[in-house]
Protein backbone atom coordinates (compact mmCIF):
# COMPACT_ATOMS: atom_id res chain seq x y z
CA UNK A 1 -104.42 87.54 -47.88
CA UNK A 2 -102.98 85.66 -51.62
CA UNK A 3 -99.78 87.15 -50.16
CA UNK A 4 -100.28 85.29 -46.85
CA UNK A 5 -101.28 81.79 -49.25
CA UNK A 6 -98.35 82.40 -52.25
CA UNK A 7 -96.24 82.48 -48.85
CA UNK A 8 -97.65 79.31 -47.56
CA UNK A 9 -97.40 77.14 -50.72
CA UNK A 10 -93.51 78.67 -51.05
CA UNK A 11 -92.78 77.72 -47.38
CA UNK A 12 -94.70 73.85 -48.13
CA UNK A 13 -92.60 73.36 -51.59
CA UNK A 14 -89.15 74.38 -49.93
CA UNK A 15 -89.92 71.83 -47.47
CA UNK A 16 -90.92 68.71 -49.63
CA UNK A 17 -87.77 69.50 -52.31
CA UNK A 18 -85.89 70.43 -48.95
CA UNK A 19 -87.51 67.24 -47.70
CA UNK A 20 -86.79 65.39 -50.80
CA UNK A 21 -83.36 66.48 -51.56
CA UNK A 22 -82.62 65.00 -47.47
CA UNK A 23 -83.98 61.61 -48.82
CA UNK A 24 -82.18 62.05 -51.96
CA UNK A 25 -79.30 62.05 -50.23
CA UNK A 26 -79.37 59.87 -47.77
CA UNK A 27 -79.92 57.20 -50.47
CA UNK A 28 -76.83 58.49 -52.15
CA UNK A 29 -74.93 57.87 -49.07
CA UNK A 30 -76.01 54.92 -48.66
CA UNK A 31 -75.21 53.35 -51.65
CA UNK A 32 -72.26 54.76 -51.76
CA UNK A 33 -71.59 53.22 -48.13
CA UNK A 34 -72.73 50.43 -49.23
CA UNK A 35 -69.98 50.11 -52.32
CA UNK A 36 -67.14 51.27 -49.70
CA UNK A 37 -67.93 48.03 -47.82
CA UNK A 38 -68.06 45.91 -50.76
CA UNK A 39 -64.61 47.48 -51.47
CA UNK A 40 -63.06 47.19 -48.33
CA UNK A 41 -64.51 43.65 -48.32
CA UNK A 42 -62.66 42.88 -51.80
CA UNK A 43 -59.76 44.81 -50.77
CA UNK A 44 -59.09 42.57 -47.74
CA UNK A 45 -59.65 38.97 -49.72
CA UNK A 46 -57.27 40.21 -52.30
CA UNK A 47 -54.53 40.62 -49.37
CA UNK A 48 -55.37 37.49 -47.77
CA UNK A 49 -55.52 35.82 -50.78
CA UNK A 50 -51.96 37.74 -51.64
CA UNK A 51 -50.44 36.17 -48.59
CA UNK A 52 -51.77 32.73 -49.03
CA UNK A 53 -50.08 32.79 -52.32
CA UNK A 54 -46.79 34.35 -50.88
CA UNK A 55 -46.69 31.27 -48.17
CA UNK A 56 -47.43 28.70 -50.63
CA UNK A 57 -44.79 29.98 -53.12
CA UNK A 58 -42.30 30.41 -50.69
CA UNK A 59 -42.94 26.66 -49.34
CA UNK A 60 -42.53 25.55 -53.31
CA UNK A 61 -39.26 27.74 -53.16
CA UNK A 62 -38.11 25.79 -50.41
CA UNK A 63 -38.80 22.14 -51.40
CA UNK A 64 -37.56 23.62 -54.64
CA UNK A 65 -33.97 24.54 -53.03
CA UNK A 66 -34.37 21.14 -51.00
CA UNK A 67 -34.02 19.33 -53.99
CA UNK A 68 -30.63 20.77 -54.90
CA UNK A 69 -29.42 18.50 -52.20
CA UNK A 70 -30.40 15.13 -53.91
CA UNK A 71 -30.00 16.30 -57.68
CA UNK A 72 -27.66 14.08 -59.66
CA UNK A 73 -27.28 14.10 -63.11
CA UNK A 74 -27.26 17.15 -65.13
CA UNK A 75 -30.41 17.49 -66.87
CA UNK A 76 -31.93 16.74 -63.24
CA UNK A 77 -29.26 19.40 -61.94
CA UNK A 78 -30.79 22.16 -64.93
CA UNK A 79 -34.28 21.30 -64.02
CA UNK A 80 -34.07 22.00 -60.23
CA UNK A 81 -32.40 24.95 -61.15
CA UNK A 82 -35.05 26.10 -63.79
CA UNK A 83 -38.02 25.31 -60.85
CA UNK A 84 -35.89 27.62 -58.03
CA UNK A 85 -35.52 30.51 -60.49
CA UNK A 86 -39.33 30.33 -61.61
CA UNK A 87 -40.59 29.67 -57.51
CA UNK A 88 -38.55 32.58 -56.69
CA UNK A 89 -39.50 35.03 -59.15
CA UNK A 90 -43.67 33.67 -57.89
CA UNK A 91 -42.59 34.52 -54.36
CA UNK A 92 -41.06 37.96 -55.19
CA UNK A 93 -44.22 38.34 -56.77
CA UNK A 94 -46.75 37.16 -54.26
CA UNK A 95 -44.58 39.14 -51.56
CA UNK A 96 -44.92 42.26 -53.22
CA UNK A 97 -48.45 42.20 -53.64
CA UNK A 98 -49.10 42.43 -50.30
CA UNK A 99 -50.84 45.89 -49.28
CA UNK A 100 -47.62 47.23 -47.12
CA UNK A 101 -44.11 47.09 -47.37
CA UNK A 102 -41.53 47.81 -44.72
CA UNK A 103 -37.87 48.34 -44.66
CA UNK A 104 -37.24 45.30 -43.12
CA UNK A 105 -38.93 43.50 -46.36
CA UNK A 106 -36.37 44.40 -48.31
CA UNK A 107 -34.00 42.04 -46.83
CA UNK A 108 -36.51 38.90 -47.16
CA UNK A 109 -36.94 40.31 -51.17
CA UNK A 110 -33.08 40.30 -51.77
CA UNK A 111 -32.85 37.04 -50.28
CA UNK A 112 -35.95 35.68 -52.79
CA UNK A 113 -33.95 37.69 -55.42
CA UNK A 114 -30.63 36.17 -54.78
CA UNK A 115 -32.17 32.85 -54.68
CA UNK A 116 -33.54 32.92 -58.02
CA UNK A 117 -30.64 34.75 -59.82
CA UNK A 118 -27.93 32.12 -58.33
CA UNK A 119 -30.14 29.38 -59.90
CA UNK A 120 -30.76 31.18 -62.94
CA UNK A 121 -26.74 31.26 -63.77
CA UNK A 122 -26.34 27.73 -62.51
CA UNK A 123 -28.86 26.01 -65.34
CA UNK A 124 -26.90 25.89 -68.44
CA UNK A 125 -23.52 24.82 -66.59
CA UNK A 126 -25.58 22.13 -64.97
CA UNK A 127 -27.01 20.50 -67.48
CA UNK A 128 -23.41 19.76 -68.66
CA UNK A 129 -21.83 19.17 -65.97
CA UNK A 130 -24.33 19.23 -63.07
CA UNK A 131 -23.65 20.60 -59.64
CA UNK A 132 -19.94 21.00 -58.08
CA UNK A 133 -19.98 20.66 -54.35
CA UNK A 134 -19.82 24.47 -54.14
CA UNK A 135 -22.66 25.21 -56.29
CA UNK A 136 -24.58 22.51 -54.54
CA UNK A 137 -23.16 23.45 -51.56
CA UNK A 138 -24.43 27.06 -51.73
CA UNK A 139 -28.06 26.17 -53.05
CA UNK A 140 -28.02 24.23 -49.55
CA UNK A 141 -27.75 26.57 -47.28
CA UNK A 142 -29.96 28.66 -49.27
CA UNK A 143 -32.49 26.25 -48.75
CA UNK A 144 -31.89 25.93 -44.63
CA UNK A 145 -32.46 29.65 -45.00
CA UNK A 146 -35.57 29.22 -47.48
CA UNK A 147 -37.39 26.51 -45.75
CA UNK A 148 -37.33 28.84 -41.77
CA UNK A 149 -38.87 31.60 -43.66
CA UNK A 150 -41.63 29.12 -44.98
CA UNK A 151 -42.24 27.61 -41.97
CA UNK A 152 -42.32 31.18 -40.24
CA UNK A 153 -44.80 32.59 -42.39
CA UNK A 154 -47.11 29.47 -42.56
CA UNK A 155 -47.46 30.17 -38.40
CA UNK A 156 -48.10 33.44 -39.03
CA UNK A 157 -50.72 32.53 -42.05
CA UNK A 158 -52.60 30.45 -38.93
CA UNK A 159 -52.33 33.29 -36.48
CA UNK A 160 -54.19 35.32 -39.53
CA UNK A 161 -56.91 32.87 -40.00
CA UNK A 162 -57.36 32.15 -35.77
CA UNK A 163 -57.74 36.18 -35.72
CA UNK A 164 -55.05 36.34 -33.22
CA UNK A 165 -53.22 38.48 -36.39
CA UNK A 166 -54.95 41.47 -38.29
CA UNK A 167 -54.34 42.05 -42.16
CA UNK A 168 -53.18 45.17 -43.40
CA UNK A 169 -55.25 47.87 -45.04
CA UNK A 170 -54.04 50.17 -47.84
CA UNK A 171 -56.83 52.88 -45.94
CA UNK A 172 -55.20 54.77 -43.09
CA UNK A 173 -54.98 53.35 -39.65
CA UNK A 174 -56.69 54.77 -36.71
CA UNK A 175 -55.36 52.07 -34.34
CA UNK A 176 -53.92 54.22 -32.04
CA UNK A 177 -57.01 55.39 -30.41
CA UNK A 178 -58.53 52.41 -30.14
CA UNK A 179 -58.28 51.41 -26.56
CA UNK A 180 -56.92 48.01 -28.04
CA UNK A 181 -54.62 48.16 -30.86
CA UNK A 182 -54.89 44.96 -33.01
CA UNK A 183 -51.92 42.75 -34.07
CA UNK A 184 -51.71 44.29 -37.92
CA UNK A 185 -49.44 41.62 -39.88
CA UNK A 186 -46.75 43.93 -41.02
CA UNK A 187 -45.51 44.91 -37.43
CA UNK A 188 -44.83 40.64 -37.11
CA UNK A 189 -43.52 40.58 -40.51
CA UNK A 190 -41.97 43.44 -39.68
CA UNK A 191 -40.31 42.34 -36.31
CA UNK A 192 -39.26 38.85 -37.72
CA UNK A 193 -37.44 40.83 -40.67
CA UNK A 194 -35.39 42.51 -38.35
CA UNK A 195 -34.09 38.97 -37.24
CA UNK A 196 -33.64 37.31 -40.70
CA UNK A 197 -29.75 36.44 -41.07
CA UNK A 198 -28.51 38.75 -44.14
CA UNK A 199 -28.41 37.12 -47.53
CA UNK A 200 -25.43 35.06 -48.09
CA UNK A 201 -22.65 36.39 -50.00
CA UNK A 202 -22.18 34.32 -53.79
CA UNK A 203 -19.61 34.89 -55.50
CA UNK A 204 -21.05 34.57 -58.79
CA UNK A 205 -21.74 35.70 -62.72
CA UNK A 206 -25.06 37.53 -61.66
CA UNK A 207 -27.05 40.17 -60.52
CA UNK A 208 -26.52 39.59 -57.37
CA UNK A 209 -23.30 38.41 -56.76
CA UNK A 210 -20.75 39.67 -53.80
CA UNK A 211 -18.29 42.80 -55.43
CA UNK A 212 -15.81 44.68 -54.13
CA UNK A 213 -17.72 48.20 -54.14
CA UNK A 214 -15.47 50.70 -55.50
CA UNK A 215 -14.91 53.96 -54.61
CA UNK A 216 -16.56 56.63 -57.45
CA UNK A 217 -13.85 58.72 -59.25
CA UNK A 218 -14.50 62.63 -58.34
CA UNK A 219 -16.39 65.17 -60.92
CA UNK A 220 -14.08 67.59 -61.60
CA UNK A 221 -16.56 70.50 -61.81
CA UNK A 222 -14.67 73.09 -64.08
CA UNK A 223 -14.10 69.49 -66.59
CA UNK A 224 -18.35 68.70 -66.30
CA UNK A 225 -18.84 72.74 -66.88
CA UNK A 226 -17.33 72.52 -70.49
CA UNK A 227 -18.36 69.17 -71.18
CA UNK A 228 -22.18 69.91 -70.64
CA UNK A 229 -22.23 73.11 -72.15
CA UNK A 230 -20.37 71.77 -75.03
CA UNK A 231 -23.26 69.48 -75.66
CA UNK A 232 -25.91 72.39 -74.83
CA UNK A 233 -24.14 74.52 -76.85
CA UNK A 234 -24.02 77.40 -74.17
CA UNK A 235 -21.83 78.75 -71.99
CA UNK A 236 -20.18 77.03 -69.01
CA UNK A 237 -21.36 80.01 -67.13
CA UNK A 238 -25.03 79.62 -68.05
CA UNK A 239 -25.04 76.18 -65.87
CA UNK A 240 -26.57 75.79 -62.64
CA UNK A 241 -25.48 73.02 -60.41
CA UNK A 242 -29.16 70.87 -59.51
CA UNK A 243 -27.16 68.12 -57.60
CA UNK A 244 -24.57 66.38 -56.73
CA UNK A 245 -23.54 62.45 -56.23
CA UNK A 246 -20.44 62.74 -55.03
CA UNK A 247 -20.95 59.15 -53.42
CA UNK A 248 -22.06 58.09 -57.14
CA UNK A 249 -19.34 60.11 -58.87
CA UNK A 250 -22.04 61.90 -60.26
CA UNK A 251 -23.01 65.94 -61.27
CA UNK A 252 -25.94 67.17 -62.08
CA UNK A 253 -25.81 70.36 -64.15
CA UNK A 254 -28.62 72.31 -65.08
CA UNK A 255 -30.16 75.27 -68.50
CA UNK A 256 -33.45 76.12 -69.52
CA UNK A 257 -34.79 73.01 -68.39
CA UNK A 258 -32.34 70.63 -69.79
CA UNK A 259 -30.33 68.38 -66.86
CA UNK A 260 -27.19 67.03 -67.78
CA UNK A 261 -25.43 64.39 -65.74
CA UNK A 262 -21.86 64.13 -65.97
CA UNK A 263 -19.22 61.99 -64.11
CA UNK A 264 -15.56 61.68 -64.60
CA UNK A 265 -15.38 59.60 -68.11
CA UNK A 266 -17.70 62.46 -68.99
CA UNK A 267 -21.34 62.72 -70.27
CA UNK A 268 -23.62 60.45 -68.89
CA UNK A 269 -26.98 61.52 -69.84
CA UNK A 270 -29.34 64.77 -71.13
CA UNK A 271 -32.67 65.05 -70.53
CA UNK A 272 -34.27 67.66 -71.35
CA UNK A 273 -38.17 68.54 -69.97
CA UNK A 274 -39.53 71.47 -72.93
CA UNK A 275 -42.77 69.72 -75.20
CA UNK A 276 -41.80 68.83 -78.67
CA UNK A 277 -45.42 70.35 -80.29
CA UNK A 278 -44.18 69.95 -84.58
CA UNK A 279 -42.41 68.01 -86.92
CA UNK A 280 -40.25 70.05 -88.98
CA UNK A 281 -37.20 67.91 -90.41
CA UNK A 282 -36.65 64.54 -91.91
CA UNK A 283 -35.70 61.24 -90.03
CA UNK A 284 -32.53 61.82 -92.06
CA UNK A 285 -31.49 65.18 -90.98
CA UNK A 286 -32.90 64.14 -87.93
CA UNK A 287 -29.56 61.22 -87.91
CA UNK A 288 -27.72 63.54 -89.03
CA UNK A 289 -28.14 66.04 -86.53
CA UNK A 290 -27.66 63.20 -83.75
CA UNK A 291 -24.48 61.93 -85.06
CA UNK A 292 -22.71 65.55 -85.08
CA UNK A 293 -24.04 66.19 -81.78
CA UNK A 294 -21.94 62.68 -80.93
CA UNK A 295 -19.40 63.26 -82.74
CA UNK A 296 -18.70 66.06 -80.60
CA UNK A 297 -18.51 64.32 -77.54
CA UNK A 298 -16.12 61.66 -79.05
CA UNK A 299 -17.96 59.36 -80.90
CA UNK A 300 -18.15 58.42 -84.05
CA UNK A 301 -18.63 55.94 -86.44
CA UNK A 302 -22.14 54.42 -85.21
CA UNK A 303 -24.38 52.30 -86.54
CA UNK A 304 -27.91 52.52 -85.83
CA UNK A 305 -29.61 49.12 -84.96
CA UNK A 306 -33.57 51.02 -83.58
CA UNK A 307 -35.19 53.62 -85.16
CA UNK A 308 -38.67 54.80 -83.87
CA UNK A 309 -40.53 57.96 -83.78
CA UNK A 310 -42.52 58.56 -80.50
CA UNK A 311 -44.95 61.62 -81.21
CA UNK A 312 -41.97 64.42 -82.69
CA UNK A 313 -39.52 62.41 -80.94
CA UNK A 314 -37.42 60.24 -83.39
CA UNK A 315 -35.33 57.27 -80.92
CA UNK A 316 -32.40 56.21 -81.90
CA UNK A 317 -30.19 53.26 -80.54
CA UNK A 318 -26.63 52.32 -82.11
CA UNK A 319 -23.64 51.12 -81.27
CA UNK A 320 -19.95 51.72 -82.61
CA UNK A 321 -18.07 48.92 -84.40
CA UNK A 322 -14.56 48.51 -83.98
CA UNK A 323 -12.44 46.49 -86.05
CA UNK A 324 -15.31 44.86 -87.55
CA UNK A 325 -16.75 44.02 -83.83
CA UNK A 326 -19.66 45.63 -83.23
CA UNK A 327 -20.26 46.66 -79.04
CA UNK A 328 -23.59 45.98 -78.89
CA UNK A 329 -23.01 46.33 -74.90
CA UNK A 330 -21.67 50.06 -74.90
CA UNK A 331 -25.55 51.07 -76.91
CA UNK A 332 -26.44 54.36 -76.95
CA UNK A 333 -29.63 56.04 -76.91
CA UNK A 334 -30.50 59.52 -78.43
CA UNK A 335 -33.75 61.28 -78.90
CA UNK A 336 -33.72 64.05 -81.30
CA UNK A 337 -36.22 66.93 -81.79
CA UNK A 338 -37.98 66.93 -84.90
CA UNK A 339 -38.90 70.55 -85.23
CA UNK A 340 -35.07 71.82 -84.73
CA UNK A 341 -32.87 68.94 -84.17
CA UNK A 342 -31.66 69.53 -81.19
CA UNK A 343 -31.19 66.85 -78.57
CA UNK A 344 -34.07 66.08 -76.11
CA UNK A 345 -32.76 62.94 -74.36
CA UNK A 346 -29.61 61.31 -74.20
CA UNK A 347 -28.28 57.68 -72.36
CA UNK A 348 -24.61 56.97 -72.46
CA UNK A 349 -24.42 54.77 -69.46
CA UNK A 350 -23.24 51.94 -71.01
CA UNK A 351 -21.09 53.59 -73.95
CA UNK A 352 -17.92 53.32 -72.14
CA UNK A 353 -15.38 49.80 -71.86
CA UNK A 354 -13.62 48.77 -74.82
CA UNK A 355 -15.00 45.84 -77.46
CA UNK A 356 -12.89 43.10 -77.61
CA UNK A 357 -11.89 42.25 -81.12
CA UNK A 358 -9.35 39.38 -81.20
CA UNK A 359 -9.17 36.08 -82.26
CA UNK A 360 -12.23 34.27 -81.71
CA UNK A 361 -11.55 30.15 -81.07
CA UNK A 362 -14.96 29.46 -82.95
CA UNK A 363 -15.42 30.23 -86.90
CA UNK A 364 -17.73 31.98 -88.83
CA UNK A 365 -19.02 29.59 -90.72
CA UNK A 366 -19.12 27.07 -87.49
CA UNK A 367 -21.84 29.45 -86.09
CA UNK A 368 -24.03 29.05 -89.23
CA UNK A 369 -24.06 25.82 -88.31
CA UNK A 370 -25.96 26.95 -84.96
CA UNK A 371 -29.08 28.31 -86.84
CA UNK A 372 -32.29 26.57 -86.25
CA UNK A 373 -33.86 24.84 -88.76
CA UNK A 374 -37.27 26.84 -88.53
CA UNK A 375 -35.09 30.03 -89.49
CA UNK A 376 -33.88 31.76 -92.48
CA UNK A 377 -30.81 33.02 -92.73
CA UNK A 378 -29.94 36.76 -93.81
CA UNK A 379 -26.66 37.42 -92.23
CA UNK A 380 -23.93 36.90 -90.33
CA UNK A 381 -21.35 39.94 -87.97
CA UNK A 382 -19.11 39.55 -85.11
CA UNK A 383 -20.66 41.72 -81.84
CA UNK A 384 -20.09 41.73 -78.19
CA UNK A 385 -22.96 41.48 -75.67
CA UNK A 386 -23.77 41.35 -71.97
CA UNK A 387 -23.30 38.46 -70.01
CA UNK A 388 -25.23 37.50 -67.16
CA UNK A 389 -22.95 39.04 -64.62
CA UNK A 390 -22.30 42.43 -66.90
CA UNK A 391 -19.29 41.31 -68.77
CA UNK A 392 -18.57 40.92 -72.69
CA UNK A 393 -19.08 38.80 -74.77
CA UNK A 394 -17.69 37.96 -78.12
CA UNK A 395 -21.10 36.43 -80.15
CA UNK A 396 -21.86 35.35 -83.70
CA UNK A 397 -24.94 37.27 -84.72
CA UNK A 398 -27.14 34.99 -86.64
CA UNK A 399 -29.85 37.80 -88.47
CA UNK A 400 -32.64 35.40 -89.37
CA UNK A 401 -36.30 35.26 -90.57
CA UNK A 402 -38.90 32.79 -89.46
CA UNK A 403 -41.65 31.41 -91.51
CA UNK A 404 -43.48 33.98 -91.13
CA UNK A 405 -41.19 36.77 -91.63
CA UNK A 406 -40.90 37.74 -87.83
CA UNK A 407 -37.35 38.57 -87.41
CA UNK A 408 -35.38 36.45 -84.67
CA UNK A 409 -31.38 37.14 -84.21
CA UNK A 410 -29.58 34.49 -82.41
CA UNK A 411 -26.49 35.39 -81.04
CA UNK A 412 -23.64 32.03 -80.76
CA UNK A 413 -20.74 32.43 -77.86
CA UNK A 414 -17.53 32.87 -80.35
CA UNK A 415 -15.62 30.75 -77.33
CA UNK A 416 -18.11 27.61 -77.00
CA UNK A 417 -20.00 27.98 -79.97
CA UNK A 418 -22.95 27.32 -78.20
CA UNK A 419 -26.32 29.82 -77.91
CA UNK A 420 -25.88 32.81 -75.80
CA UNK A 421 -28.60 34.27 -76.09
CA UNK A 422 -31.74 35.15 -78.62
CA UNK A 423 -33.96 38.16 -79.42
CA UNK A 424 -37.34 38.11 -81.10
CA UNK A 425 -38.40 41.14 -83.02
């Protein structure tokens, strides 16, 4: 009798606990569902706002480019170019924030980037001389394309507001099982982008300039193995080929977690995947080890421009000096493991090329006059830096401090005597 009562009690308790658990699970599911719905609503709002910002930014870019038709004197031309650059940057950021990306959209992004980069490179020259007929014609052509793009996106924005188009979600779409699949914005924008004219080819001193592509020089495998083996201090036969990039003229060789990239010009980079867990050598010993390893690759007389510890790795950036001129645009970056002094990272991609050491029309004394009044000059040296087109520019580096002790470097063009670049910190 007692056993039967006990069994009933156990059954009642079990049912009660199960019911309570079911109720709790239901409440938890309801809360999670509410949170999910709130998240979906917020992401939808964010996506709509991103597209609205994209349309607004493209309208502004179109208007800025349109101003180039009428800008007259130098200061106004420079102001217009600065506006184009700023609006292009905002338009590119807004377009990238949309919750989808298609291959076709890359041409839209390239057009926006080209417009901003081209206007940026014109700013200094335009401030002094205004826009040439060719430059103005290029900006007007970009303006026509931007106007068409802005008008098309305004139309899509209207269709989105009217419910004709549906904003994409970052979640996986299940439209293929619906009776009538919605028309998504990504599809409409992709269709438009496929018929969008390719960004015009412009020859100028900038990142998107039309340049004739040269065939990469092939890499000799035997020579590449010898160069990589000398750096890794192993036998050439111990190296394995990880990848070949024939079109880029590169060969990737690996050995014990270390990967060396070699081009026809020699070793380009090294990456070591091992974890450096402790420090056993000093920074000076690490620098000496780096100099010895680089000397074996033909890089001697380096001056270390920057030095910083990252965990148990010492990161160094340096440039070689030739006839009193330091080639900052031919920088070498190296990481030294502080446990055994081995190289765990190396970047020589910018190390090639000759440093300009010829006569400079502008004198050092004249360069010193370009120091702003708010700065205190410490020392001057002759350097080369990379210009907007990637070519070397001979400059005087004016190493200064501001009133608060912050380092400011002003680079004065040795040909024109005007400021070329300013670096802070």
